[in-house]
Amino acid sequence: MTPDLPAKGEVRVVDDVAAAFATVLAEEAPAVVALSGGGTARHCYQAVADGSLGGTQVVFGDERWVPVEDDESNEGMARRVLLDRARSGEVHSLRGAGATREEAAGAYDQLVASLSSLGLVHLGLGPDGHTASLFPGAAALEVDDRLVVPTGDDAHPHPRLSLTLAGIARADLVVFTVAGEDKADAWRRLRAGEDLPASRVRAPRVFWLVDPAAAGHAG
């Protein structure tokens, strides 16, 4: 697959990525939102105003195979900083969807397939170019007949569950949030057209919210 440049989406270089994400979420008011994990996502969810999720259904784009109460859990983080105060609609646990990763992936695959769309999918960008839990060279990148799969590798902690590229493509809008100098090299490689996991994401609309540090002070 030959990746398109991120510039084929809408690139916005913004001083405050978290505030920009909160604004997009409020303006879009999606019926379903897929949440992410990591430090940038945490800042984004802290910036979301109380009550702004309304009746939005919440799913998760990826998750570590740890208890929700664990500090490494994406769902646990999202609940602590956002969902416990933002009065969302139903929250669909990815970690709790089955007793094993395979069972959870199968059940969540059916859930995602049952939704008319994912509305807004929030994604990050790893220093190695990964997004969700789709890592460079992973077999999951080539899966086109499943929406959710078990994944993970030796370079990243914990076994994972993740939306596939086909699952992400069910979004009406994908919003990438990219912040910090540690993301600058990955962003440069994406802009150069390298075949990284994040460069393979496709959706009707894609926004890239990038801060000056990650963008190398260039638009």
Protein backbone atom coordinates (compact mmCIF):
# COMPACT_ATOMS: atom_id res chain seq x y z
CA MET A 1 0.00 0.00 0.00
CA THR A 2 1.39 3.41 -0.95
CA PRO A 3 0.54 5.92 1.78
CA ASP A 4 -0.87 9.35 1.07
CA LEU A 5 0.73 12.29 2.80
CA PRO A 6 -1.01 13.52 5.97
CA ALA A 7 -1.42 16.82 4.12
CA LYS A 8 -4.21 15.14 2.17
CA GLY A 9 -6.09 15.44 5.44
CA GLU A 10 -6.42 18.78 7.19
CA VAL A 11 -3.27 19.73 9.08
CA ARG A 12 -3.68 22.33 11.83
CA VAL A 13 -0.57 23.51 13.68
CA VAL A 14 -1.89 24.76 17.01
CA ASP A 15 -0.24 25.99 20.20
CA ASP A 16 -2.56 23.94 22.43
CA VAL A 17 -3.40 20.53 20.96
CA ALA A 18 -5.62 19.57 23.90
CA ALA A 19 -7.76 22.69 23.63
CA ALA A 20 -8.04 22.24 19.87
CA PHE A 21 -9.19 18.65 20.34
CA ALA A 22 -11.81 19.71 22.89
CA THR A 23 -13.12 22.31 20.43
CA VAL A 24 -13.39 19.79 17.59
CA LEU A 25 -15.19 17.30 19.83
CA ALA A 26 -17.68 19.96 20.94
CA GLU A 27 -18.29 21.17 17.40
CA GLU A 28 -18.71 17.70 15.91
CA ALA A 29 -20.88 16.32 18.75
CA PRO A 30 -20.48 12.73 17.48
CA ALA A 31 -23.00 10.06 18.40
CA VAL A 32 -20.09 7.66 18.97
CA VAL A 33 -16.51 8.52 19.91
CA ALA A 34 -13.56 6.13 20.05
CA LEU A 35 -11.07 7.20 22.71
CA SER A 36 -7.33 6.71 22.79
CA GLY A 37 -4.59 6.43 25.40
CA GLY A 38 -1.26 8.00 26.29
CA GLY A 39 -0.08 11.31 27.66
CA THR A 40 -1.39 13.51 24.87
CA ALA A 41 -4.80 11.84 25.05
CA ARG A 42 -4.86 12.44 28.81
CA HIS A 43 -4.29 16.17 28.28
CA CYS A 44 -6.99 16.21 25.59
CA TYR A 45 -9.56 14.59 27.85
CA GLN A 46 -8.71 16.89 30.73
CA ALA A 47 -9.51 19.79 28.39
CA VAL A 48 -12.98 18.50 27.46
CA ALA A 49 -15.66 20.47 29.26
CA ASP A 50 -17.93 18.80 31.79
CA GLY A 51 -21.13 17.58 30.20
CA SER A 52 -19.93 18.11 26.64
CA LEU A 53 -20.25 14.43 25.72
CA GLY A 54 -23.99 14.49 26.30
CA GLY A 55 -25.39 11.13 25.24
CA THR A 56 -22.33 10.18 23.18
CA GLN A 57 -21.56 6.46 23.19
CA VAL A 58 -17.94 5.72 24.04
CA VAL A 59 -15.79 2.96 22.60
CA PHE A 60 -12.02 2.50 22.69
CA GLY A 61 -9.68 2.38 19.72
CA ASP A 62 -7.15 0.24 21.52
CA GLU A 63 -6.41 -1.11 24.98
CA ARG A 64 -3.68 -2.82 26.95
CA TRP A 65 -4.62 -6.24 28.33
CA VAL A 66 -4.50 -5.08 31.96
CA PRO A 67 -7.28 -4.51 34.52
CA VAL A 68 -9.20 -1.29 34.01
CA GLU A 69 -7.99 -0.19 37.44
CA ASP A 70 -4.36 -0.45 36.31
CA ASP A 71 -2.52 2.81 35.62
CA GLU A 72 -1.66 1.44 32.15
CA SER A 73 -5.30 1.02 31.12
CA ASN A 74 -6.60 3.41 28.45
CA GLU A 75 -10.14 2.96 29.70
CA GLY A 76 -9.09 3.53 33.29
CA MET A 77 -7.35 6.78 32.33
CA ALA A 78 -10.32 7.97 30.30
CA ARG A 79 -12.71 7.22 33.16
CA ARG A 80 -10.59 9.03 35.73
CA VAL A 81 -9.96 12.21 33.75
CA LEU A 82 -13.12 12.44 31.61
CA LEU A 83 -15.89 9.86 31.74
CA ASP A 84 -16.51 9.99 35.49
CA ARG A 85 -17.40 13.68 35.18
CA ALA A 86 -18.55 14.24 31.60
CA ARG A 87 -21.89 12.37 31.66
CA SER A 88 -21.40 10.43 28.45
CA GLY A 89 -23.77 7.82 27.10
CA GLU A 90 -22.98 4.11 27.33
CA VAL A 91 -19.30 3.22 27.73
CA HIS A 92 -18.30 -0.01 25.96
CA SER A 93 -15.30 -1.57 27.69
CA LEU A 94 -12.79 -3.19 25.35
CA ARG A 95 -10.86 -4.90 28.15
CA GLY A 96 -14.09 -6.22 29.65
CA ALA A 97 -15.54 -7.55 26.40
CA GLY A 98 -14.31 -11.10 27.00
CA ALA A 99 -12.40 -13.40 29.31
CA THR A 100 -9.49 -13.73 26.87
CA ARG A 101 -8.04 -11.30 24.34
CA GLU A 102 -9.39 -13.41 21.51
CA GLU A 103 -12.90 -13.45 23.01
CA ALA A 104 -12.77 -9.72 23.71
CA ALA A 105 -11.58 -8.95 20.17
CA GLY A 106 -14.39 -11.05 18.68
CA ALA A 107 -17.08 -9.46 20.84
CA TYR A 108 -15.81 -5.94 20.18
CA ASP A 109 -15.56 -6.66 16.46
CA GLN A 110 -19.27 -7.47 16.50
CA LEU A 111 -20.02 -4.35 18.52
CA VAL A 112 -18.16 -2.06 16.12
CA ALA A 113 -19.82 -3.76 13.15
CA SER A 114 -23.23 -3.12 14.70
CA LEU A 115 -22.69 0.64 14.84
CA SER A 116 -23.62 2.68 11.80
CA SER A 117 -20.28 4.48 12.12
CA LEU A 118 -17.72 5.33 14.76
CA GLY A 119 -18.42 9.05 14.48
CA LEU A 120 -15.10 10.45 15.72
CA VAL A 121 -12.02 8.30 16.26
CA HIS A 122 -9.24 9.88 18.31
CA LEU A 123 -5.73 8.67 17.50
CA GLY A 124 -2.23 9.52 18.60
CA LEU A 125 1.13 9.16 16.90
CA GLY A 126 3.96 7.18 18.48
CA PRO A 127 7.62 8.14 17.99
CA ASP A 128 7.93 5.03 15.79
CA GLY A 129 4.93 6.04 13.68
CA HIS A 130 2.42 3.68 15.30
CA THR A 131 -1.15 4.62 15.96
CA ALA A 132 -3.75 2.87 18.12
CA SER A 133 -1.88 -0.40 18.82
CA LEU A 134 -0.89 -0.89 15.20
CA PHE A 135 2.89 -1.10 15.29
CA PRO A 136 5.44 -1.02 12.44
CA GLY A 137 5.66 -4.38 10.73
CA ALA A 138 2.73 -5.87 12.65
CA ALA A 139 0.58 -8.49 10.94
CA ALA A 140 -2.46 -6.54 12.15
CA LEU A 141 -1.68 -3.84 9.58
CA GLU A 142 -2.60 -6.25 6.80
CA VAL A 143 -5.90 -7.45 8.31
CA ASP A 144 -8.81 -6.25 6.19
CA ASP A 145 -11.55 -8.68 7.26
CA ARG A 146 -11.67 -7.80 10.97
CA LEU A 147 -12.43 -4.55 12.76
CA VAL A 148 -10.78 -5.44 16.08
CA VAL A 149 -7.86 -7.81 16.69
CA PRO A 150 -5.43 -8.90 19.42
CA THR A 151 -2.03 -7.33 18.77
CA GLY A 152 1.20 -6.23 20.42
CA ASP A 153 4.95 -6.69 20.07
CA ASP A 154 8.10 -6.96 22.17
CA ALA A 155 8.91 -3.25 21.76
CA HIS A 156 5.77 -2.03 23.54
CA PRO A 157 4.56 -3.04 27.00
CA HIS A 158 1.60 -5.40 27.45
CA PRO A 159 -0.41 -7.47 24.97
CA ARG A 160 -3.00 -5.27 23.26
CA LEU A 161 -6.34 -5.10 21.52
CA SER A 162 -6.81 -2.64 18.68
CA LEU A 163 -9.05 -1.43 15.94
CA THR A 164 -7.65 -2.46 12.59
CA LEU A 165 -7.24 -0.01 9.75
CA ALA A 166 -10.58 -1.32 8.47
CA GLY A 167 -12.11 -0.58 11.86
CA ILE A 168 -10.70 2.94 11.93
CA ALA A 169 -12.04 3.49 8.42
CA ARG A 170 -15.58 3.21 9.84
CA ALA A 171 -15.08 6.67 11.35
CA ASP A 172 -16.73 9.72 9.88
CA LEU A 173 -13.81 11.75 11.22
CA VAL A 174 -10.38 10.76 12.51
CA VAL A 175 -8.61 13.27 14.74
CA PHE A 176 -4.88 12.77 15.31
CA THR A 177 -3.34 14.71 18.19
CA VAL A 178 0.44 15.08 17.93
CA ALA A 179 2.36 16.98 20.60
CA GLY A 180 5.98 17.28 21.74
CA GLU A 181 9.48 17.20 20.30
CA ASP A 182 9.58 13.41 20.68
CA LYS A 183 7.00 13.19 17.87
CA ALA A 184 8.88 15.51 15.49
CA ASP A 185 10.81 12.76 13.72
CA ALA A 186 7.69 10.63 13.20
CA TRP A 187 5.86 13.69 11.87
CA ARG A 188 8.73 14.48 9.49
CA ARG A 189 8.71 10.90 8.22
CA LEU A 190 4.95 11.02 7.69
CA ARG A 191 5.23 14.27 5.75
CA ALA A 192 7.96 12.67 3.64
CA GLY A 193 5.53 9.89 2.68
CA GLU A 194 7.11 6.99 4.57
CA ASP A 195 4.98 3.89 4.98
CA LEU A 196 4.27 4.11 8.71
CA PRO A 197 1.18 2.71 10.44
CA ALA A 198 -0.30 6.18 10.95
CA SER A 199 0.14 7.03 7.28
CA ARG A 200 -2.15 4.14 6.34
CA VAL A 201 -5.20 5.51 8.15
CA ARG A 202 -8.11 6.33 5.86
CA ALA A 203 -11.43 8.02 6.67
CA PRO A 204 -13.78 10.47 4.93
CA ARG A 205 -12.20 13.26 7.00
CA VAL A 206 -8.87 13.32 8.83
CA PHE A 207 -7.68 16.17 11.05
CA TRP A 208 -4.09 16.41 12.24
CA LEU A 209 -3.76 18.67 15.29
CA VAL A 210 -0.02 19.21 15.67
CA ASP A 211 1.83 21.52 18.03
CA PRO A 212 4.86 23.59 16.93
CA ALA A 213 7.33 21.31 18.73
CA ALA A 214 6.12 18.23 16.85
CA ALA A 215 5.78 20.15 13.59
CA GLY A 216 9.35 21.42 13.79
CA HIS A 217 7.94 24.96 13.86
CA ALA A 218 6.64 24.48 10.31
CA GLY A 219 3.07 24.33 9.06
